[in-house]
Amino acid sequence: MNQPAVAPSRWLRWYRRSSNPRVRLVCFPHAGGAASMFRDWPQWLPEDVEVIGVCYPGRQDRVMEPCIDDMGVLSTRIADVLQPFAGRRLALFGHSMGASVAYEVALRLQQRTGGVPAGRLFVSGQLPPHRVTPDDAHLRGDEAIRDEVRRLGDPNADTVLDDPDLLELVMPAIRADFRLIGTYLPRPPTRLSTPISAYTGSEDEDVPVEGLREWAAATGTAFDHRVSPGGHFYLLDDPEALVKDLAGHLAVGSVVG
């Protein structure tokens, strides 16, 4: 199992470092998720692809830090962290809430640099900014949030939700994330100057393929999409298949920037 190196910034966890990386793949977890969900990904990627997980405040070794429940604040702070890397090839991957955060981070990097901020944006299990449908679970209390977590089908959910001590530890982060995504309102997308690849599960009722295809409106260049067997957390059923597809997009000559 890959162990992360300690990153200079508390925001980032390196699961593979390279002395001369061709591309850095920066990965954004879902609501209530952790950077560690990406720790095994290097085994399915070329050696010159660095793998970095984003650690949001309020979880893992940042559990004592205040959580951030506003999309603008969170994405701006992450863009601040990634800006020093923007001169080299970056690819951003996000799942569910993480897909929206990754898009907003890419948008901010583009606005700051005026160029291509990422080799490619990979979005998974989420609708584009003009099609998001904010859920009001954050307004209905913790029980409603727990019900929504179970409905989405995270295979690790029961372990957390059925352990009172563990739930008390992680609930602030889950609560903040649901407020963040619940207040992320639909708006016309600003086009990125980077390609977008979009992914969903065949049984994910929240992200049907017709909605997934609308991510094409968020880029001024190439777009493609893929539907995999499974539900909202299809990527946990067969991570190798997903990561090998990412690797194909990250192959020499296919990464812009």
Protein backbone atom coordinates (compact mmCIF):
# COMPACT_ATOMS: atom_id res chain seq x y z
CA MET A 1 0.00 0.00 0.00
CA ASN A 2 1.30 3.46 -0.89
CA GLN A 3 1.97 5.74 2.05
CA PRO A 4 1.65 9.49 1.45
CA ALA A 5 4.63 11.75 1.79
CA VAL A 6 4.06 14.75 4.03
CA ALA A 7 3.18 17.64 1.74
CA PRO A 8 4.56 21.15 2.27
CA SER A 9 0.96 22.29 2.41
CA ARG A 10 -1.47 20.65 4.80
CA TRP A 11 -3.97 20.61 1.92
CA LEU A 12 -2.15 18.03 -0.22
CA ARG A 13 -1.17 14.38 0.24
CA TRP A 14 1.29 12.89 -2.22
CA TYR A 15 0.64 9.21 -2.93
CA ARG A 16 3.38 9.19 -5.54
CA ARG A 17 6.20 11.66 -6.05
CA SER A 18 8.34 11.88 -9.17
CA SER A 19 11.66 13.66 -9.61
CA ASN A 20 10.48 14.92 -13.00
CA PRO A 21 6.71 14.47 -13.25
CA ARG A 22 5.16 14.68 -16.70
CA VAL A 23 1.79 15.47 -15.11
CA ARG A 24 0.40 15.87 -11.62
CA LEU A 25 -3.01 14.28 -11.04
CA VAL A 26 -4.76 16.18 -8.23
CA CYS A 27 -7.76 14.30 -6.81
CA PHE A 28 -10.76 15.76 -4.95
CA PRO A 29 -12.91 13.47 -2.74
CA HIS A 30 -16.68 13.39 -2.39
CA ALA A 31 -18.72 14.90 0.47
CA GLY A 32 -17.52 13.32 3.69
CA GLY A 33 -14.63 11.70 1.82
CA ALA A 34 -10.91 11.77 2.46
CA ALA A 35 -7.77 12.10 0.38
CA SER A 36 -6.82 8.54 1.33
CA MET A 37 -9.39 7.12 -1.12
CA PHE A 38 -6.77 7.76 -3.84
CA ARG A 39 -3.81 6.11 -2.10
CA ASP A 40 -3.87 2.97 -4.26
CA TRP A 41 -4.19 4.74 -7.60
CA PRO A 42 -0.45 4.97 -8.45
CA GLN A 43 -0.27 1.23 -9.19
CA TRP A 44 -2.44 1.78 -12.29
CA LEU A 45 -0.69 4.92 -13.56
CA PRO A 46 2.65 5.53 -15.31
CA GLU A 47 5.62 6.24 -13.05
CA ASP A 48 5.91 9.83 -14.26
CA VAL A 49 2.38 10.72 -13.11
CA GLU A 50 2.31 12.13 -9.60
CA VAL A 51 -0.83 11.34 -7.58
CA ILE A 52 -1.99 13.93 -5.07
CA GLY A 53 -5.09 13.80 -2.88
CA VAL A 54 -6.69 16.98 -1.58
CA CYS A 55 -7.35 16.93 2.16
CA TYR A 56 -10.20 19.24 3.10
CA PRO A 57 -10.18 20.80 6.59
CA GLY A 58 -11.92 18.85 9.32
CA ARG A 59 -10.81 15.33 8.40
CA GLN A 60 -7.86 12.96 8.80
CA ASP A 61 -4.96 14.86 10.42
CA ARG A 62 -6.90 18.13 9.96
CA VAL A 63 -9.82 16.93 12.08
CA MET A 64 -9.36 19.73 14.64
CA GLU A 65 -9.48 22.48 11.99
CA PRO A 66 -12.73 24.31 11.24
CA CYS A 67 -14.58 22.86 8.27
CA ILE A 68 -15.36 25.01 5.22
CA ASP A 69 -18.99 24.98 4.11
CA ASP A 70 -18.83 27.48 1.24
CA MET A 71 -17.83 26.47 -2.30
CA GLY A 72 -16.26 29.83 -3.14
CA VAL A 73 -14.07 29.84 -0.05
CA LEU A 74 -12.97 26.22 -0.41
CA SER A 75 -12.15 26.39 -4.13
CA THR A 76 -10.30 29.69 -3.76
CA ARG A 77 -8.09 28.33 -0.99
CA ILE A 78 -7.28 25.19 -2.97
CA ALA A 79 -6.51 27.31 -6.05
CA ASP A 80 -4.10 29.30 -3.88
CA VAL A 81 -2.33 26.05 -2.95
CA LEU A 82 -2.16 24.75 -6.54
CA GLN A 83 -1.20 28.00 -8.25
CA PRO A 84 2.57 27.43 -7.80
CA PHE A 85 2.14 24.18 -9.77
CA ALA A 86 0.10 25.77 -12.56
CA GLY A 87 3.19 26.32 -14.71
CA ARG A 88 3.50 22.54 -15.11
CA ARG A 89 0.94 20.10 -16.37
CA LEU A 90 -1.91 19.52 -13.96
CA ALA A 91 -4.86 17.20 -14.33
CA LEU A 92 -7.74 17.45 -11.87
CA PHE A 93 -10.07 14.59 -10.90
CA GLY A 94 -13.10 14.99 -8.65
CA HIS A 95 -15.91 12.67 -7.63
CA SER A 96 -19.40 13.88 -6.69
CA MET A 97 -18.93 17.08 -4.63
CA GLY A 98 -15.25 16.82 -5.53
CA ALA A 99 -16.09 17.18 -9.22
CA SER A 100 -17.74 20.54 -8.59
CA VAL A 101 -14.82 21.64 -6.42
CA ALA A 102 -12.33 20.57 -9.11
CA TYR A 103 -14.23 22.55 -11.77
CA GLU A 104 -14.30 25.66 -9.58
CA VAL A 105 -10.57 25.31 -8.83
CA ALA A 106 -9.76 24.91 -12.54
CA LEU A 107 -11.86 27.97 -13.30
CA ARG A 108 -10.00 30.07 -10.73
CA LEU A 109 -6.61 28.92 -11.99
CA GLN A 110 -7.64 29.79 -15.54
CA GLN A 111 -8.82 33.25 -14.48
CA ARG A 112 -5.51 33.90 -12.72
CA THR A 113 -3.09 32.56 -15.32
CA GLY A 114 -5.00 33.37 -18.49
CA GLY A 115 -3.83 30.06 -19.90
CA VAL A 116 -4.61 26.37 -19.66
CA PRO A 117 -4.59 25.54 -15.94
CA ALA A 118 -4.93 21.80 -16.28
CA GLY A 119 -4.05 19.11 -18.77
CA ARG A 120 -7.54 17.72 -18.34
CA LEU A 121 -10.46 17.97 -15.95
CA PHE A 122 -11.97 14.62 -14.97
CA VAL A 123 -15.44 14.88 -13.40
CA SER A 124 -17.19 11.88 -11.89
CA GLY A 125 -20.62 11.32 -10.36
CA GLN A 126 -21.74 14.93 -10.69
CA LEU A 127 -23.79 17.14 -13.00
CA PRO A 128 -22.29 20.30 -14.58
CA PRO A 129 -22.72 23.71 -12.92
CA HIS A 130 -25.84 24.62 -14.90
CA ARG A 131 -27.53 21.32 -14.06
CA VAL A 132 -26.68 20.79 -10.40
CA THR A 133 -29.70 20.13 -8.22
CA PRO A 134 -28.89 21.28 -4.66
CA ASP A 135 -30.24 19.00 -1.95
CA ASP A 136 -31.77 20.49 1.21
CA ALA A 137 -30.59 17.74 3.57
CA HIS A 138 -28.37 20.26 5.36
CA LEU A 139 -31.50 22.19 6.30
CA ARG A 140 -33.33 19.11 7.64
CA GLY A 141 -30.80 18.04 10.23
CA ASP A 142 -28.26 15.29 10.81
CA GLU A 143 -30.73 12.42 10.40
CA ALA A 144 -31.62 13.63 6.90
CA ILE A 145 -27.91 13.92 6.06
CA ARG A 146 -27.25 10.39 7.30
CA ASP A 147 -30.18 9.09 5.23
CA GLU A 148 -28.76 10.78 2.14
CA VAL A 149 -25.30 9.31 2.75
CA ARG A 150 -26.85 5.84 2.95
CA ARG A 151 -28.95 6.43 -0.16
CA LEU A 152 -25.90 7.34 -2.22
CA GLY A 153 -24.46 3.93 -1.45
CA ASP A 154 -20.96 4.61 -0.15
CA PRO A 155 -19.83 1.10 0.87
CA ASN A 156 -17.99 2.59 3.87
CA ALA A 157 -21.02 4.52 5.12
CA ASP A 158 -22.43 1.91 7.48
CA THR A 159 -19.11 1.52 9.26
CA VAL A 160 -19.09 5.23 10.05
CA LEU A 161 -22.79 5.83 10.63
CA ASP A 162 -23.27 2.85 12.94
CA ASP A 163 -20.36 3.70 15.23
CA PRO A 164 -21.42 6.52 17.61
CA ASP A 165 -17.86 7.50 18.51
CA LEU A 166 -16.67 7.56 14.92
CA LEU A 167 -19.80 9.38 13.78
CA GLU A 168 -19.26 12.11 16.37
CA LEU A 169 -15.75 12.60 15.02
CA VAL A 170 -16.64 12.82 11.32
CA MET A 171 -20.13 14.35 11.40
CA PRO A 172 -18.91 17.98 11.43
CA ALA A 173 -17.11 17.42 8.12
CA ILE A 174 -20.07 15.60 6.56
CA ARG A 175 -22.42 18.33 7.75
CA ALA A 176 -20.20 21.07 6.30
CA ASP A 177 -19.85 19.27 2.98
CA PHE A 178 -23.61 18.83 2.62
CA ARG A 179 -24.13 22.50 3.33
CA LEU A 180 -21.43 23.40 0.79
CA ILE A 181 -22.95 21.34 -2.00
CA GLY A 182 -26.50 22.17 -0.92
CA THR A 183 -25.83 25.88 -1.40
CA TYR A 184 -23.95 25.48 -4.70
CA LEU A 185 -26.62 26.89 -6.98
CA PRO A 186 -27.05 26.28 -10.73
CA ARG A 187 -25.59 28.87 -13.06
CA PRO A 188 -24.47 29.08 -16.70
CA PRO A 189 -21.05 27.43 -16.99
CA THR A 190 -17.90 29.39 -17.72
CA ARG A 191 -16.03 27.48 -20.42
CA LEU A 192 -12.63 26.11 -19.53
CA SER A 193 -9.82 26.06 -22.06
CA THR A 194 -9.03 22.48 -21.10
CA PRO A 195 -10.63 19.19 -22.16
CA ILE A 196 -13.17 17.53 -19.88
CA SER A 197 -13.77 13.81 -19.42
CA ALA A 198 -16.93 12.89 -17.50
CA TYR A 199 -17.87 9.63 -15.76
CA THR A 200 -20.94 8.14 -14.15
CA GLY A 201 -22.33 4.79 -13.03
CA SER A 202 -25.01 3.11 -15.11
CA GLU A 203 -27.31 2.92 -12.07
CA ASP A 204 -26.63 6.41 -10.69
CA GLU A 205 -30.07 8.00 -10.85
CA ASP A 206 -28.67 11.38 -9.74
CA VAL A 207 -26.26 11.60 -12.68
CA PRO A 208 -27.91 10.09 -15.77
CA VAL A 209 -25.92 9.97 -18.97
CA GLU A 210 -27.95 12.74 -20.62
CA GLY A 211 -27.04 15.06 -17.77
CA LEU A 212 -23.42 13.92 -17.79
CA ARG A 213 -23.09 14.84 -21.45
CA GLU A 214 -23.93 18.45 -20.61
CA TRP A 215 -20.45 18.86 -19.14
CA ALA A 216 -19.55 19.53 -22.79
CA ALA A 217 -20.92 23.06 -22.27
CA ALA A 218 -18.23 23.71 -19.65
CA THR A 219 -15.29 23.40 -22.04
CA GLY A 220 -14.27 25.19 -25.19
CA THR A 221 -12.31 22.18 -26.42
CA ALA A 222 -12.56 18.38 -26.36
CA PHE A 223 -15.13 16.46 -24.34
CA ASP A 224 -15.80 12.76 -23.83
CA HIS A 225 -17.73 10.66 -21.35
CA ARG A 226 -17.85 7.10 -20.06
CA VAL A 227 -20.55 5.10 -18.27
CA SER A 228 -19.38 2.26 -16.00
CA PRO A 229 -21.38 -0.48 -14.30
CA GLY A 230 -22.61 0.47 -10.84
CA GLY A 231 -24.20 3.23 -8.86
CA HIS A 232 -22.97 6.54 -7.49
CA PHE A 233 -19.84 4.92 -6.06
CA TYR A 234 -19.08 2.80 -9.14
CA LEU A 235 -15.41 3.86 -8.86
CA LEU A 236 -14.99 1.93 -5.61
CA ASP A 237 -16.28 -1.26 -7.24
CA ASP A 238 -13.58 -1.27 -9.92
CA PRO A 239 -11.03 1.50 -9.38
CA GLU A 240 -8.54 -0.12 -11.75
CA ALA A 241 -10.85 0.29 -14.75
CA LEU A 242 -11.42 3.97 -14.01
CA VAL A 243 -7.77 4.80 -13.34
CA LYS A 244 -6.59 2.98 -16.47
CA ASP A 245 -9.04 5.10 -18.47
CA LEU A 246 -7.57 8.22 -16.86
CA ALA A 247 -4.11 6.91 -17.75
CA GLY A 248 -5.11 6.71 -21.39
CA HIS A 249 -6.10 10.37 -21.35
CA LEU A 250 -2.85 11.27 -19.59
CA ALA A 251 -0.67 9.45 -22.12
CA VAL A 252 2.05 11.39 -23.91
CA GLY A 253 0.54 13.71 -26.46
CA SER A 254 -2.96 13.68 -24.96
CA VAL A 255 -2.36 16.16 -22.15
CA VAL A 256 -2.69 19.82 -23.01
CA GLY A 257 -0.51 22.39 -21.32
